[in-house]
Amino acid sequence: IRAIKVLCMFGLLAAVLKHGHHMVRKLKRHSDGTFTSDFTHYLDKIKAKDFVEWLTDPKQEG
C-alpha cells in the first residue's frame, strides 16, 4: 500500500510539474475575476444607496 501511495504522489507531482503553470494561471485569473466581481457588486450597492438618497432629498427642486 505504501508503494501505491508513493506512486500516486509521484504521479501527482509529475502532473503538477507538467501542467502547473496552466493551473496557476487559471487560479490567478479566477481570483482576479472574483475580486473584480465583488468590487463591482460593492460599487453598485453604493450607487444604489446614493441614488435613493438623491431621490429622497427634500432640497430637490422638481
C-alpha atoms as a PDB file:
ATOM      1  CA  ILE A   1       0.000   0.000   0.000  1.00  0.00           C
ATOM      2  CA  ARG A   2       2.837   2.369   0.789  1.00  0.00           C
ATOM      3  CA  ALA A   3       4.294   1.821  -2.678  1.00  0.00           C
ATOM      4  CA  ILE A   4       0.920   2.702  -4.196  1.00  0.00           C
ATOM      5  CA  LYS A   5       0.785   5.918  -2.171  1.00  0.00           C
ATOM      6  CA  VAL A   6       4.293   6.818  -3.292  1.00  0.00           C
ATOM      7  CA  LEU A   7       3.415   6.130  -6.924  1.00  0.00           C
ATOM      8  CA  CYS A   8       0.242   8.216  -6.628  1.00  0.00           C
ATOM      9  CA  MET A   9       2.176  11.100  -5.083  1.00  0.00           C
ATOM     10  CA  PHE A  10       4.822  10.815  -7.791  1.00  0.00           C
ATOM     11  CA  GLY A  11       2.113  10.874 -10.470  1.00  0.00           C
ATOM     12  CA  LEU A  12       0.513  13.903  -8.853  1.00  0.00           C
ATOM     13  CA  LEU A  13       3.861  15.650  -8.632  1.00  0.00           C
ATOM     14  CA  ALA A  14       4.571  14.863 -12.284  1.00  0.00           C
ATOM     15  CA  ALA A  15       1.174  16.252 -13.300  1.00  0.00           C
ATOM     16  CA  VAL A  16       1.723  19.433 -11.300  1.00  0.00           C
ATOM     17  CA  LEU A  17       5.169  19.905 -12.791  1.00  0.00           C
ATOM     18  CA  LYS A  18       3.849  19.277 -16.290  1.00  0.00           C
ATOM     19  CA  HIS A  19       0.688  21.397 -16.049  1.00  0.00           C
ATOM     20  CA  GLY A  20       1.400  23.583 -13.019  1.00  0.00           C
ATOM     21  CA  HIS A  21       1.884  26.848 -14.882  1.00  0.00           C
ATOM     22  CA  HIS A  22      -1.539  26.407 -16.524  1.00  0.00           C
ATOM     23  CA  MET A  23      -3.173  25.690 -13.165  1.00  0.00           C
ATOM     24  CA  VAL A  24      -1.556  28.735 -11.548  1.00  0.00           C
ATOM     25  CA  ARG A  25      -2.649  30.952 -14.430  1.00  0.00           C
ATOM     26  CA  LYS A  26      -6.233  29.666 -14.179  1.00  0.00           C
ATOM     27  CA  LEU A  27      -6.309  30.162 -10.400  1.00  0.00           C
ATOM     28  CA  LYS A  28      -4.946  33.700 -10.739  1.00  0.00           C
ATOM     29  CA  ARG A  29      -7.495  34.545 -13.418  1.00  0.00           C
ATOM     30  CA  HIS A  30     -10.265  33.124 -11.204  1.00  0.00           C
ATOM     31  CA  SER A  31      -9.153  35.114  -8.153  1.00  0.00           C
ATOM     32  CA  ASP A  32      -8.841  38.304 -10.230  1.00  0.00           C
ATOM     33  CA  GLY A  33     -12.335  37.752 -11.607  1.00  0.00           C
ATOM     34  CA  THR A  34     -13.755  37.075  -8.159  1.00  0.00           C
ATOM     35  CA  PHE A  35     -12.197  40.266  -6.760  1.00  0.00           C
ATOM     36  CA  THR A  36     -13.498  42.305  -9.697  1.00  0.00           C
ATOM     37  CA  SER A  37     -16.974  40.839  -9.320  1.00  0.00           C
ATOM     38  CA  ASP A  38     -17.075  41.522  -5.566  1.00  0.00           C
ATOM     39  CA  PHE A  39     -15.759  45.060  -6.022  1.00  0.00           C
ATOM     40  CA  THR A  40     -18.274  45.810  -8.790  1.00  0.00           C
ATOM     41  CA  HIS A  41     -21.084  44.498  -6.580  1.00  0.00           C
ATOM     42  CA  TYR A  42     -19.902  46.772  -3.744  1.00  0.00           C
ATOM     43  CA  LEU A  43     -19.785  49.827  -6.041  1.00  0.00           C
ATOM     44  CA  ASP A  44     -23.270  49.042  -7.382  1.00  0.00           C
ATOM     45  CA  LYS A  45     -24.620  48.990  -3.814  1.00  0.00           C
ATOM     46  CA  ILE A  46     -23.061  52.393  -3.128  1.00  0.00           C
ATOM     47  CA  LYS A  47     -24.515  53.822  -6.361  1.00  0.00           C
ATOM     48  CA  ALA A  48     -27.973  52.491  -5.481  1.00  0.00           C
ATOM     49  CA  LYS A  49     -27.758  53.985  -1.986  1.00  0.00           C
ATOM     50  CA  ASP A  50     -26.650  57.354  -3.370  1.00  0.00           C
ATOM     51  CA  PHE A  51     -29.462  57.295  -5.932  1.00  0.00           C
ATOM     52  CA  VAL A  52     -32.103  56.620  -3.267  1.00  0.00           C
ATOM     53  CA  GLU A  53     -30.677  59.434  -1.130  1.00  0.00           C
ATOM     54  CA  TRP A  54     -30.800  61.749  -4.158  1.00  0.00           C
ATOM     55  CA  LEU A  55     -34.430  60.792  -4.837  1.00  0.00           C
ATOM     56  CA  THR A  56     -35.494  61.381  -1.245  1.00  0.00           C
ATOM     57  CA  ASP A  57     -33.554  64.624  -0.769  1.00  0.00           C
ATOM     58  CA  PRO A  58     -36.065  67.301   0.321  1.00  0.00           C
ATOM     59  CA  LYS A  59     -33.818  70.045  -1.094  1.00  0.00           C
ATOM     60  CA  GLN A  60     -34.504  68.835  -4.622  1.00  0.00           C
ATOM     61  CA  GLU A  61     -36.406  71.202  -6.839  1.00  0.00           C
ATOM     62  CA  GLY A  62     -38.656  69.464  -9.206  1.00  0.00           C
END
